[in-house]
Each structure stands twice: as C-alpha cells, then as structure tokens.
C-alpha cells in the first residue's frame, strides 16, 4: 500500500509539472518570442486601410466585381468563410468536381474575354485545400489584367506593372511558385484611384 501511495504521489507531481510546462510556460514563451521577433505575423497579418482593418494577408476573401482581381474559388462554407475552412473533398473521379470545374472554366473564359479553347490556370477553377487561399498564380492574374484595366478605364500595361510590383517570389527562392496576394493587389488598385496614377 505504501508503494502505491508513493507511485500515486509521483504520478500526480509529474502530471502537475508537465501541465505547468506544457499549458503555461511553453505557450507564454512562444507568445513572447512571436511578439518580439515577428509581431505582425503573430497578430494575424492584419491589413489596415484608412484606419480600418480590411482583412488579413494570410486569408483570402471574395471579390466579384470586374474592376478587381478575383481569388481562386473557395469551398469554405458559402465561400471564404473562415469558420468553415476546408476543401470540397471531391476527388479526380468525381462527376460533380468535373462538372464544377467545366462550368468554372467556361465562366472564367467568358469574364476575361478568352478564346473558347484557351488554357485556364488550375488555380482559377479549383479550390484550395483550406478554401481560404489568399494568393493566385501570376498567370491567373495576367489573364485577369485586361478585364480589370477595362473596368477601371486604365491602360493594361499600368495594371500589369502594378501586378509585377505585387508578385511574391518563391519562398526561400526555392519553394512553391511566384504568386500574387489578391487582397493586397486590389487595395493597391484602389489606392491609385480611377486613372491608375
């Protein structure tokens, strides 16, 4: 019985020590390092325009007007719903996925004035795994540039120049593909005003 009480005491003390480390000291240390080293990212990478928080650079949001670049489709809730983050979970043999992508391809070609047989970037017609992807490929953005320029009354070259300025390279120069953050690009469009100057 005495041995059982010693073992029980040891187990309780070990549990409490681990709980203090894992539930107290470690989270506080991580928070302190994050706030000290990269506070913007630690606080959600929020984007503020004119004193108002308009979004986060790490979370996509819906844009549907012709004068804005459009994000990739979202399967999160009714679209870009952060409380319902997730993909459609439809596989390549899913008839529903094939039909959805076919419809999106036709819509993308029509709204961007592309030829009926033009190849469409995959990220323009497929949702990301999270449904909240904030970025699109450079090719996707370039296909949308003429539509955005026309809707804003700008020269296409002005829109493409702004797009180049907002293109992010590969992570560490190696990982992934160059990409464009849709929210940041659309805010830059608005900041330049109606004539693009």
Protein backbone atom coordinates (compact mmCIF):
# COMPACT_ATOMS: atom_id res chain seq x y z
CA UNK A 1 0.00 0.00 0.00
CA UNK A 2 2.86 2.35 0.86
CA UNK A 3 4.41 1.73 -2.55
CA UNK A 4 1.08 2.51 -4.24
CA UNK A 5 0.86 5.87 -2.42
CA UNK A 6 4.44 6.73 -3.44
CA UNK A 7 3.66 5.88 -7.07
CA UNK A 8 0.41 7.88 -6.92
CA UNK A 9 2.22 10.89 -5.44
CA UNK A 10 4.95 10.66 -8.09
CA UNK A 11 2.32 10.47 -10.87
CA UNK A 12 0.38 13.47 -9.54
CA UNK A 13 3.53 15.58 -9.15
CA UNK A 14 4.75 14.60 -12.64
CA UNK A 15 1.34 15.44 -14.14
CA UNK A 16 1.30 18.84 -12.44
CA UNK A 17 4.86 19.66 -13.52
CA UNK A 18 4.13 18.68 -17.12
CA UNK A 19 0.86 20.65 -17.06
CA UNK A 20 2.66 23.78 -15.84
CA UNK A 21 5.32 23.42 -18.55
CA UNK A 22 3.02 22.47 -21.45
CA UNK A 23 0.00 24.60 -20.53
CA UNK A 24 1.79 27.56 -19.01
CA UNK A 25 5.50 28.10 -19.53
CA UNK A 26 5.72 26.87 -23.13
CA UNK A 27 2.76 28.92 -24.53
CA UNK A 28 3.99 32.04 -22.71
CA UNK A 29 7.50 31.54 -24.14
CA UNK A 30 6.16 31.04 -27.67
CA UNK A 31 3.96 34.13 -27.34
CA UNK A 32 6.87 36.23 -26.07
CA UNK A 33 9.18 35.11 -28.89
CA UNK A 34 6.47 35.61 -31.55
CA UNK A 35 5.57 39.10 -30.31
CA UNK A 36 9.23 40.05 -30.04
CA UNK A 37 10.51 38.62 -33.33
CA UNK A 38 7.59 38.97 -35.77
CA UNK A 39 4.63 40.76 -34.13
CA UNK A 40 2.76 41.44 -37.39
CA UNK A 41 2.50 37.75 -38.22
CA UNK A 42 1.83 36.78 -34.62
CA UNK A 43 -1.16 39.13 -34.59
CA UNK A 44 -2.74 37.65 -37.70
CA UNK A 45 -1.07 39.62 -40.52
CA UNK A 46 -3.94 42.10 -40.48
CA UNK A 47 -4.17 44.68 -43.25
CA UNK A 48 -5.34 48.15 -42.25
CA UNK A 49 -6.53 50.69 -44.83
CA UNK A 50 -7.67 54.18 -43.83
CA UNK A 51 -7.66 53.18 -40.16
CA UNK A 52 -9.94 50.19 -40.71
CA UNK A 53 -8.95 46.52 -40.69
CA UNK A 54 -9.96 45.23 -44.12
CA UNK A 55 -8.62 41.69 -43.93
CA UNK A 56 -5.57 39.55 -43.34
CA UNK A 57 -2.84 38.83 -45.85
CA UNK A 58 -3.00 35.14 -44.90
CA UNK A 59 -6.74 34.71 -45.55
CA UNK A 60 -8.48 35.10 -48.88
CA UNK A 61 -11.75 36.88 -49.36
CA UNK A 62 -14.25 37.12 -52.16
CA UNK A 63 -14.05 39.75 -54.91
CA UNK A 64 -16.59 39.55 -57.73
CA UNK A 65 -16.62 42.98 -59.39
CA UNK A 66 -14.98 43.26 -62.80
CA UNK A 67 -12.71 46.05 -61.53
CA UNK A 68 -10.98 43.72 -59.07
CA UNK A 69 -8.78 40.66 -59.41
CA UNK A 70 -10.71 37.58 -58.41
CA UNK A 71 -9.35 34.97 -55.99
CA UNK A 72 -9.38 31.27 -56.62
CA UNK A 73 -12.70 29.54 -55.89
CA UNK A 74 -13.44 28.64 -52.28
CA UNK A 75 -15.16 25.57 -50.88
CA UNK A 76 -15.22 27.02 -47.35
CA UNK A 77 -18.87 27.39 -46.40
CA UNK A 78 -20.52 29.81 -48.81
CA UNK A 79 -17.07 30.97 -49.88
CA UNK A 80 -14.16 32.28 -47.83
CA UNK A 81 -15.96 31.52 -44.58
CA UNK A 82 -13.13 31.11 -42.06
CA UNK A 83 -15.44 29.27 -39.65
CA UNK A 84 -15.99 26.55 -42.28
CA UNK A 85 -12.46 26.23 -43.62
CA UNK A 86 -11.95 23.15 -45.74
CA UNK A 87 -11.88 21.75 -49.23
CA UNK A 88 -14.68 20.10 -51.15
CA UNK A 89 -13.04 16.68 -50.61
CA UNK A 90 -14.06 15.72 -54.17
CA UNK A 91 -11.55 13.51 -55.96
CA UNK A 92 -10.47 13.46 -59.61
CA UNK A 93 -13.04 10.78 -60.46
CA UNK A 94 -15.92 12.78 -59.00
CA UNK A 95 -18.51 13.71 -61.63
CA UNK A 96 -19.56 16.70 -59.53
CA UNK A 97 -15.97 18.01 -59.47
CA UNK A 98 -15.59 17.57 -63.24
CA UNK A 99 -18.85 19.43 -63.91
CA UNK A 100 -17.98 22.20 -61.43
CA UNK A 101 -14.56 22.74 -62.98
CA UNK A 102 -16.02 22.69 -66.50
CA UNK A 103 -18.55 25.39 -65.51
CA UNK A 104 -15.84 27.46 -63.83
CA UNK A 105 -13.60 27.21 -66.91
CA UNK A 106 -16.42 28.48 -69.16
CA UNK A 107 -17.21 31.32 -66.76
CA UNK A 108 -13.53 32.29 -66.40
CA UNK A 109 -13.04 32.39 -70.17
CA UNK A 110 -16.19 34.47 -70.66
CA UNK A 111 -15.49 37.05 -67.95
CA UNK A 112 -11.87 37.50 -69.02
CA UNK A 113 -12.52 37.57 -72.78
CA UNK A 114 -10.51 34.44 -73.52
CA UNK A 115 -10.90 32.19 -76.55
CA UNK A 116 -13.18 29.15 -76.06
CA UNK A 117 -10.16 26.84 -76.26
CA UNK A 118 -7.76 28.93 -74.12
CA UNK A 119 -5.98 27.00 -71.39
CA UNK A 120 -7.05 28.21 -67.96
CA UNK A 121 -4.74 28.13 -64.91
CA UNK A 122 -5.72 25.39 -62.46
CA UNK A 123 -5.90 27.80 -59.53
CA UNK A 124 -8.57 29.82 -61.38
CA UNK A 125 -11.03 26.92 -61.35
CA UNK A 126 -10.14 24.71 -58.37
CA UNK A 127 -10.49 25.48 -54.67
CA UNK A 128 -7.57 25.20 -52.29
CA UNK A 129 -7.50 22.61 -49.51
CA UNK A 130 -8.36 25.22 -46.88
CA UNK A 131 -10.77 27.20 -49.05
CA UNK A 132 -9.06 30.35 -47.73
CA UNK A 133 -6.03 30.69 -50.01
CA UNK A 134 -5.17 34.42 -50.33
CA UNK A 135 -2.92 34.04 -53.38
CA UNK A 136 -3.31 33.33 -57.08
CA UNK A 137 -0.71 32.40 -59.67
CA UNK A 138 0.91 35.10 -61.75
CA UNK A 139 -0.56 33.52 -64.89
CA UNK A 140 -4.07 33.69 -63.39
CA UNK A 141 -3.53 37.37 -62.54
CA UNK A 142 -2.19 38.16 -66.01
CA UNK A 143 -5.30 36.64 -67.62
CA UNK A 144 -7.44 38.93 -65.46
CA UNK A 145 -5.41 42.10 -66.11
CA UNK A 146 -7.24 43.14 -69.31
CA UNK A 147 -10.66 42.85 -67.62
CA UNK A 148 -9.53 44.87 -64.60
CA UNK A 149 -7.93 47.54 -66.81
CA UNK A 150 -11.05 47.86 -68.95
CA UNK A 151 -13.39 48.09 -65.94
CA UNK A 152 -11.21 50.82 -64.38
CA UNK A 153 -10.53 52.71 -67.59
CA UNK A 154 -6.77 52.11 -67.29
CA UNK A 155 -4.14 51.01 -69.74
CA UNK A 156 -3.50 47.28 -69.47
CA UNK A 157 0.24 48.00 -69.10
CA UNK A 158 -0.44 50.01 -65.91
CA UNK A 159 -2.31 47.10 -64.35
CA UNK A 160 0.42 44.66 -65.38
CA UNK A 161 3.10 46.93 -63.88
CA UNK A 162 1.22 47.05 -60.58
CA UNK A 163 0.82 43.28 -60.74
CA UNK A 164 4.58 42.83 -61.19
CA UNK A 165 5.22 45.06 -58.16
CA UNK A 166 2.95 42.84 -56.06
CA UNK A 167 4.32 39.50 -57.25
CA UNK A 168 5.93 37.48 -54.46
CA UNK A 169 8.74 35.13 -55.45
CA UNK A 170 9.29 31.56 -54.39
CA UNK A 171 9.64 31.03 -50.64
CA UNK A 172 13.36 30.99 -49.78
CA UNK A 173 13.95 31.29 -53.54
CA UNK A 174 13.14 27.58 -53.94
CA UNK A 175 9.72 26.55 -52.66
CA UNK A 176 6.42 26.96 -54.46
CA UNK A 177 5.67 29.23 -57.38
CA UNK A 178 5.60 33.02 -57.71
CA UNK A 179 2.23 34.31 -56.53
CA UNK A 180 0.09 37.39 -56.04
CA UNK A 181 -1.87 38.24 -52.89
CA UNK A 182 -5.31 39.22 -54.21
CA UNK A 183 -6.32 41.48 -51.30
CA UNK A 184 -3.06 43.44 -51.34
CA UNK A 185 -3.19 43.85 -55.13
CA UNK A 186 -6.82 45.03 -55.06
CA UNK A 187 -6.03 47.52 -52.28
CA UNK A 188 -3.13 48.83 -54.37
CA UNK A 189 -5.52 49.29 -57.31
CA UNK A 190 -7.89 51.30 -55.12
CA UNK A 191 -5.03 53.38 -53.71
CA UNK A 192 -4.07 54.53 -57.20
CA UNK A 193 -7.56 55.81 -57.85
CA UNK A 194 -9.59 55.89 -61.02
CA UNK A 195 -6.91 56.76 -63.55
CA UNK A 196 -4.19 54.43 -62.30
CA UNK A 197 -1.72 57.18 -61.48
